[in-house]
N, C-alpha and C. Protein backbone atom coordinates (compact mmCIF):
# COMPACT_ATOMS: atom_id res chain seq x y z
N UNK A 1 0.84 -1.17 0.00
CA UNK A 1 0.00 0.00 0.00
C UNK A 1 0.88 1.24 0.00
N UNK A 2 0.65 2.14 -0.90
CA UNK A 2 1.42 3.37 -1.01
C UNK A 2 1.07 4.32 0.13
N UNK A 3 2.05 5.09 0.52
CA UNK A 3 1.88 6.08 1.58
C UNK A 3 1.24 7.33 0.99
N UNK A 4 0.12 7.76 1.55
CA UNK A 4 -0.53 8.98 1.11
C UNK A 4 -0.15 10.11 2.07
N UNK A 5 0.38 11.19 1.52
CA UNK A 5 0.79 12.32 2.35
C UNK A 5 -0.41 13.11 2.84
N UNK A 6 -0.31 13.53 4.08
CA UNK A 6 -1.31 14.45 4.61
C UNK A 6 -1.05 15.83 4.02
N UNK A 7 -2.00 16.72 4.18
CA UNK A 7 -1.84 18.10 3.68
C UNK A 7 -0.64 18.77 4.35
N UNK A 8 -0.50 18.59 5.66
CA UNK A 8 0.62 19.20 6.39
C UNK A 8 1.95 18.63 5.91
N UNK A 9 2.01 17.33 5.73
CA UNK A 9 3.22 16.66 5.27
C UNK A 9 3.62 17.18 3.89
N UNK A 10 2.65 17.29 2.99
CA UNK A 10 2.92 17.79 1.64
C UNK A 10 3.38 19.24 1.66
N UNK A 11 2.77 20.04 2.53
CA UNK A 11 3.15 21.45 2.63
C UNK A 11 4.60 21.59 3.10
N UNK A 12 4.96 20.85 4.14
CA UNK A 12 6.33 20.92 4.64
C UNK A 12 7.32 20.39 3.60
N UNK A 13 6.96 19.32 2.90
CA UNK A 13 7.84 18.76 1.89
C UNK A 13 8.03 19.76 0.74
N UNK A 14 6.97 20.46 0.36
CA UNK A 14 7.09 21.47 -0.70
C UNK A 14 7.96 22.64 -0.26
N UNK A 15 7.83 23.05 0.99
CA UNK A 15 8.69 24.13 1.50
C UNK A 15 10.16 23.70 1.50
N UNK A 16 10.40 22.46 1.89
CA UNK A 16 11.76 21.94 1.88
C UNK A 16 12.31 21.88 0.46
N UNK A 17 11.51 21.40 -0.48
CA UNK A 17 11.96 21.31 -1.87
C UNK A 17 12.31 22.70 -2.41
N UNK A 18 11.49 23.69 -2.10
CA UNK A 18 11.75 25.06 -2.56
C UNK A 18 13.02 25.61 -1.92
N UNK A 19 13.20 25.37 -0.64
CA UNK A 19 14.39 25.87 0.06
C UNK A 19 15.65 25.19 -0.47
N UNK A 20 15.60 23.89 -0.70
CA UNK A 20 16.74 23.16 -1.26
C UNK A 20 17.06 23.66 -2.68
N UNK A 21 16.03 23.89 -3.47
CA UNK A 21 16.24 24.37 -4.84
C UNK A 21 16.90 25.75 -4.83
N UNK A 22 16.43 26.63 -3.96
CA UNK A 22 16.98 27.98 -3.86
C UNK A 22 18.46 27.91 -3.47
N UNK A 23 18.78 27.09 -2.48
CA UNK A 23 20.18 26.95 -2.05
C UNK A 23 21.04 26.39 -3.18
N UNK A 24 20.53 25.40 -3.89
CA UNK A 24 21.28 24.82 -5.00
C UNK A 24 21.49 25.85 -6.12
N UNK A 25 20.48 26.63 -6.42
CA UNK A 25 20.59 27.65 -7.45
C UNK A 25 21.66 28.68 -7.08
N UNK A 26 21.67 29.11 -5.83
CA UNK A 26 22.69 30.05 -5.37
C UNK A 26 24.08 29.43 -5.44
N UNK A 27 24.17 28.15 -5.09
CA UNK A 27 25.46 27.46 -5.14
C UNK A 27 25.99 27.40 -6.57
N UNK A 28 25.13 27.12 -7.52
CA UNK A 28 25.54 27.08 -8.92
C UNK A 28 26.03 28.46 -9.38
N UNK A 29 25.35 29.50 -8.95
CA UNK A 29 25.79 30.86 -9.29
C UNK A 29 27.17 31.13 -8.70
N UNK A 30 27.38 30.71 -7.46
CA UNK A 30 28.67 30.93 -6.81
C UNK A 30 29.80 30.17 -7.50
N UNK A 31 29.48 29.08 -8.18
CA UNK A 31 30.51 28.36 -8.92
C UNK A 31 31.15 29.24 -9.99
N UNK A 32 30.40 30.17 -10.54
CA UNK A 32 30.92 31.05 -11.58
C UNK A 32 31.18 32.48 -11.10
N UNK A 33 30.74 32.79 -9.88
CA UNK A 33 30.94 34.12 -9.29
C UNK A 33 31.40 33.97 -7.84
N UNK A 34 32.53 33.35 -7.60
CA UNK A 34 32.95 33.02 -6.24
C UNK A 34 33.26 34.23 -5.35
N UNK A 35 33.42 35.41 -5.93
CA UNK A 35 33.75 36.59 -5.14
C UNK A 35 32.53 37.44 -4.79
N UNK A 36 31.34 36.97 -5.13
CA UNK A 36 30.13 37.73 -4.87
C UNK A 36 29.69 37.51 -3.41
N UNK A 37 30.09 38.44 -2.56
CA UNK A 37 29.83 38.30 -1.12
C UNK A 37 28.35 38.38 -0.77
N UNK A 38 27.59 39.17 -1.52
CA UNK A 38 26.15 39.27 -1.28
C UNK A 38 25.47 37.91 -1.50
N UNK A 39 25.82 37.26 -2.59
CA UNK A 39 25.22 35.96 -2.90
C UNK A 39 25.72 34.90 -1.93
N UNK A 40 26.97 34.99 -1.52
CA UNK A 40 27.49 34.05 -0.53
C UNK A 40 26.70 34.14 0.77
N UNK A 41 26.39 35.35 1.18
CA UNK A 41 25.57 35.53 2.40
C UNK A 41 24.17 34.94 2.19
N UNK A 42 23.57 35.20 1.02
CA UNK A 42 22.26 34.63 0.73
C UNK A 42 22.30 33.11 0.72
N UNK A 43 23.39 32.56 0.17
CA UNK A 43 23.54 31.11 0.13
C UNK A 43 23.58 30.52 1.54
N UNK A 44 24.36 31.11 2.40
CA UNK A 44 24.45 30.61 3.78
C UNK A 44 23.11 30.68 4.49
N UNK A 45 22.36 31.75 4.26
CA UNK A 45 21.02 31.87 4.84
C UNK A 45 20.07 30.82 4.25
N UNK A 46 20.19 30.58 2.95
CA UNK A 46 19.34 29.59 2.28
C UNK A 46 19.61 28.19 2.81
N UNK A 47 20.87 27.86 3.06
CA UNK A 47 21.21 26.54 3.62
C UNK A 47 20.62 26.39 5.01
N UNK A 48 20.70 27.44 5.81
CA UNK A 48 20.10 27.40 7.16
C UNK A 48 18.59 27.20 7.08
N UNK A 49 17.95 27.88 6.12
CA UNK A 49 16.51 27.75 5.95
C UNK A 49 16.14 26.32 5.52
N UNK A 50 16.90 25.77 4.59
CA UNK A 50 16.64 24.40 4.14
C UNK A 50 16.83 23.42 5.29
N UNK A 51 17.86 23.61 6.09
CA UNK A 51 18.09 22.74 7.26
C UNK A 51 16.94 22.86 8.25
N UNK A 52 16.44 24.07 8.44
CA UNK A 52 15.31 24.28 9.36
C UNK A 52 14.06 23.58 8.84
N UNK A 53 13.81 23.68 7.54
CA UNK A 53 12.66 22.99 6.93
C UNK A 53 12.80 21.48 7.09
N UNK A 54 14.00 20.96 6.85
CA UNK A 54 14.24 19.52 6.97
C UNK A 54 14.02 19.06 8.41
N UNK A 55 14.55 19.83 9.36
CA UNK A 55 14.38 19.48 10.77
C UNK A 55 12.92 19.51 11.19
N UNK A 56 12.19 20.51 10.73
CA UNK A 56 10.76 20.61 11.07
C UNK A 56 10.00 19.40 10.51
N UNK A 57 10.30 19.03 9.28
CA UNK A 57 9.64 17.89 8.68
C UNK A 57 9.97 16.62 9.45
N UNK A 58 11.24 16.39 9.71
CA UNK A 58 11.66 15.16 10.39
C UNK A 58 11.12 15.09 11.82
N UNK A 59 11.00 16.22 12.48
CA UNK A 59 10.47 16.22 13.84
C UNK A 59 9.00 15.81 13.87
N UNK A 60 8.29 16.15 12.82
CA UNK A 60 6.86 15.87 12.79
C UNK A 60 6.50 14.55 12.09
N UNK A 61 7.32 14.12 11.14
CA UNK A 61 6.95 12.95 10.35
C UNK A 61 7.97 11.82 10.43
N UNK A 62 8.96 11.82 9.59
CA UNK A 62 9.92 10.71 9.51
C UNK A 62 11.25 11.25 8.99
N UNK A 63 12.33 10.51 9.22
CA UNK A 63 13.63 10.98 8.75
C UNK A 63 13.73 10.96 7.22
N UNK A 64 14.41 11.95 6.70
CA UNK A 64 14.61 12.04 5.26
C UNK A 64 15.99 11.52 4.84
N UNK A 65 16.86 11.34 5.80
CA UNK A 65 18.20 10.80 5.55
C UNK A 65 18.49 9.75 6.61
N UNK A 66 19.20 8.73 6.22
CA UNK A 66 19.48 7.62 7.14
C UNK A 66 20.21 8.10 8.40
N UNK A 67 21.09 9.09 8.27
CA UNK A 67 21.82 9.55 9.45
C UNK A 67 20.93 10.22 10.49
N UNK A 68 19.70 10.54 10.13
CA UNK A 68 18.78 11.14 11.08
C UNK A 68 17.78 10.13 11.65
N UNK A 69 17.92 8.88 11.29
CA UNK A 69 17.03 7.84 11.79
C UNK A 69 17.51 7.33 13.15
N UNK A 70 16.60 6.78 13.90
CA UNK A 70 16.95 6.13 15.15
C UNK A 70 17.21 7.04 16.33
N UNK A 71 16.93 8.31 16.18
CA UNK A 71 17.22 9.25 17.26
C UNK A 71 16.28 9.09 18.46
N UNK A 72 15.13 8.49 18.23
CA UNK A 72 14.18 8.31 19.33
C UNK A 72 14.24 6.90 19.90
N UNK A 73 15.30 6.17 19.56
CA UNK A 73 15.47 4.85 20.13
C UNK A 73 14.96 3.71 19.27
N UNK A 74 14.29 4.03 18.16
CA UNK A 74 13.85 2.96 17.27
C UNK A 74 14.26 3.30 15.85
N UNK A 75 14.56 2.29 15.07
CA UNK A 75 15.03 2.48 13.71
C UNK A 75 13.83 2.79 12.83
N UNK A 76 13.65 4.07 12.53
CA UNK A 76 12.48 4.52 11.77
C UNK A 76 12.83 4.93 10.34
N UNK A 77 13.98 4.49 9.85
CA UNK A 77 14.40 4.86 8.51
C UNK A 77 13.43 4.35 7.44
N UNK A 78 12.80 3.24 7.69
CA UNK A 78 11.91 2.66 6.68
C UNK A 78 10.50 3.25 6.68
N UNK A 79 10.30 4.33 7.39
CA UNK A 79 9.02 5.04 7.36
C UNK A 79 9.06 6.05 6.24
N UNK A 80 7.90 6.47 5.77
CA UNK A 80 7.87 7.52 4.78
C UNK A 80 7.16 7.15 3.51
N UNK A 81 7.12 8.10 2.60
CA UNK A 81 6.32 7.96 1.39
C UNK A 81 6.85 6.93 0.41
N UNK A 82 8.11 6.60 0.45
CA UNK A 82 8.68 5.67 -0.53
C UNK A 82 8.43 4.21 -0.19
N UNK A 83 7.86 3.95 0.97
CA UNK A 83 7.55 2.57 1.36
C UNK A 83 6.21 2.18 0.74
N UNK A 84 6.20 1.07 0.05
CA UNK A 84 4.96 0.57 -0.57
C UNK A 84 4.29 -0.45 0.31
């Protein structure tokens, strides 16, 4: 049985996807403009925002990376939308 996301789960996942995309886009720009201090500051802020989104999602639902599984004493890595 496929995992159906709740509205809250989907909203947080979409926020995380947007934050990750923004950080990646800034990183790609920095690859060709490494001396742009304004963008470097934006990139660092974007990474913090993406980390905050990821933490909020994982605190409420399930781990998105294996290294974040098992923090509550049980191996919960196999939870989530990709489990059929």
